[in-house]
């Protein structure tokens, strides 16, 4: 039972909140969309679905959290100021949750 609960908790805080991880990767460096999944897996230990990562990136771009520029035939994505603020807010939220759980 505990394993199932922890797997669900992990999914809720990783795959279901993929936007946080994408913004965090882009805060460190600009990247191609196809590299995001590998970078997330290497850094955070989970691999989002191919379509899911692209959909979230598309959504983040549409909302102004991420922008893109052309590099030859490829698009390079980078975090915007609005995206940096959203990431900061998300990190603050998680820190508050941890503090509440530990007290």
Protein backbone atom coordinates (compact mmCIF):
# COMPACT_ATOMS: atom_id res chain seq x y z
CA UNK A 1 0.00 0.00 0.00
CA UNK A 2 2.75 2.46 0.94
CA UNK A 3 4.63 1.78 -2.31
CA UNK A 4 1.53 2.55 -4.34
CA UNK A 5 0.92 5.76 -2.42
CA UNK A 6 4.52 6.89 -2.84
CA UNK A 7 4.45 6.14 -6.58
CA UNK A 8 1.31 8.25 -6.90
CA UNK A 9 2.93 11.05 -4.89
CA UNK A 10 5.99 10.88 -7.14
CA UNK A 11 3.83 11.01 -10.29
CA UNK A 12 1.85 13.95 -8.98
CA UNK A 13 5.02 15.87 -8.22
CA UNK A 14 6.96 14.96 -11.35
CA UNK A 15 5.01 13.98 -14.47
CA UNK A 16 1.89 15.90 -13.47
CA UNK A 17 3.97 19.01 -12.68
CA UNK A 18 6.30 18.72 -15.63
CA UNK A 19 6.26 22.46 -16.25
CA UNK A 20 8.35 23.07 -13.12
CA UNK A 21 11.09 20.74 -14.33
CA UNK A 22 11.09 22.19 -17.84
CA UNK A 23 11.45 25.72 -16.46
CA UNK A 24 14.25 24.58 -14.15
CA UNK A 25 16.18 23.02 -17.04
CA UNK A 26 15.70 26.14 -19.15
CA UNK A 27 16.85 28.35 -16.27
CA UNK A 28 20.26 26.70 -16.56
CA UNK A 29 20.53 26.77 -20.34
CA UNK A 30 18.65 27.18 -23.57
CA UNK A 31 17.90 23.90 -25.29
CA UNK A 32 16.18 22.13 -28.15
CA UNK A 33 12.79 20.61 -27.36
CA UNK A 34 13.95 17.07 -28.12
CA UNK A 35 16.74 17.36 -25.52
CA UNK A 36 14.42 18.23 -22.64
CA UNK A 37 13.28 14.68 -21.91
CA UNK A 38 16.86 13.42 -21.66
CA UNK A 39 17.92 16.34 -19.48
CA UNK A 40 14.94 15.79 -17.17
CA UNK A 41 15.73 12.10 -16.89
CA UNK A 42 19.43 12.75 -16.20
CA UNK A 43 18.84 15.49 -13.65
CA UNK A 44 15.57 14.58 -11.94
CA UNK A 45 15.38 10.81 -12.40
CA UNK A 46 12.17 10.41 -14.38
CA UNK A 47 11.37 10.36 -18.08
CA UNK A 48 8.26 12.20 -19.25
CA UNK A 49 6.39 11.00 -22.30
CA UNK A 50 7.51 12.44 -25.62
CA UNK A 51 4.18 14.01 -26.52
CA UNK A 52 3.63 15.24 -22.96
CA UNK A 53 6.91 17.15 -22.89
CA UNK A 54 6.13 18.83 -26.21
CA UNK A 55 2.59 19.69 -25.11
CA UNK A 56 3.79 21.26 -21.87
CA UNK A 57 6.51 23.19 -23.71
CA UNK A 58 3.92 24.43 -26.22
CA UNK A 59 1.65 25.51 -23.35
CA UNK A 60 4.51 27.30 -21.54
CA UNK A 61 5.39 29.12 -24.75
CA UNK A 62 1.78 30.14 -25.30
CA UNK A 63 1.53 31.52 -21.77
CA UNK A 64 4.78 33.50 -22.10
CA UNK A 65 6.83 31.46 -19.60
CA UNK A 66 9.11 30.20 -22.37
CA UNK A 67 10.15 31.71 -25.67
CA UNK A 68 11.94 30.33 -28.70
CA UNK A 69 14.34 31.46 -31.36
CA UNK A 70 15.51 29.90 -34.59
CA UNK A 71 18.91 28.29 -34.86
CA UNK A 72 19.11 27.04 -38.40
CA UNK A 73 16.20 24.65 -38.85
CA UNK A 74 15.86 24.04 -35.13
CA UNK A 75 14.10 26.01 -32.44
CA UNK A 76 15.92 26.85 -29.23
CA UNK A 77 13.77 27.35 -26.14
CA UNK A 78 14.63 29.59 -23.22
CA UNK A 79 12.94 30.76 -20.04
CA UNK A 80 11.48 34.28 -19.93
CA UNK A 81 11.31 36.63 -16.95
CA UNK A 82 7.69 35.54 -16.45
CA UNK A 83 8.88 31.93 -16.44
CA UNK A 84 11.60 32.68 -13.90
CA UNK A 85 9.00 34.25 -11.62
CA UNK A 86 6.69 31.24 -11.99
CA UNK A 87 9.56 28.87 -11.18
CA UNK A 88 10.50 30.94 -8.14
CA UNK A 89 6.87 30.83 -6.95
CA UNK A 90 6.71 27.06 -7.43
CA UNK A 91 9.92 26.51 -5.47
CA UNK A 92 8.63 28.75 -2.69
CA UNK A 93 5.40 26.74 -2.63
CA UNK A 94 7.26 23.44 -2.30
CA UNK A 95 9.53 24.82 0.43
CA UNK A 96 6.44 25.95 2.34
CA UNK A 97 4.85 22.53 1.98
CA UNK A 98 8.01 20.82 3.28
CA UNK A 99 8.19 23.22 6.23
CA UNK A 100 4.55 22.53 7.09
CA UNK A 101 5.04 18.77 6.85
CA UNK A 102 8.14 18.86 9.06
CA UNK A 103 6.61 20.95 11.83
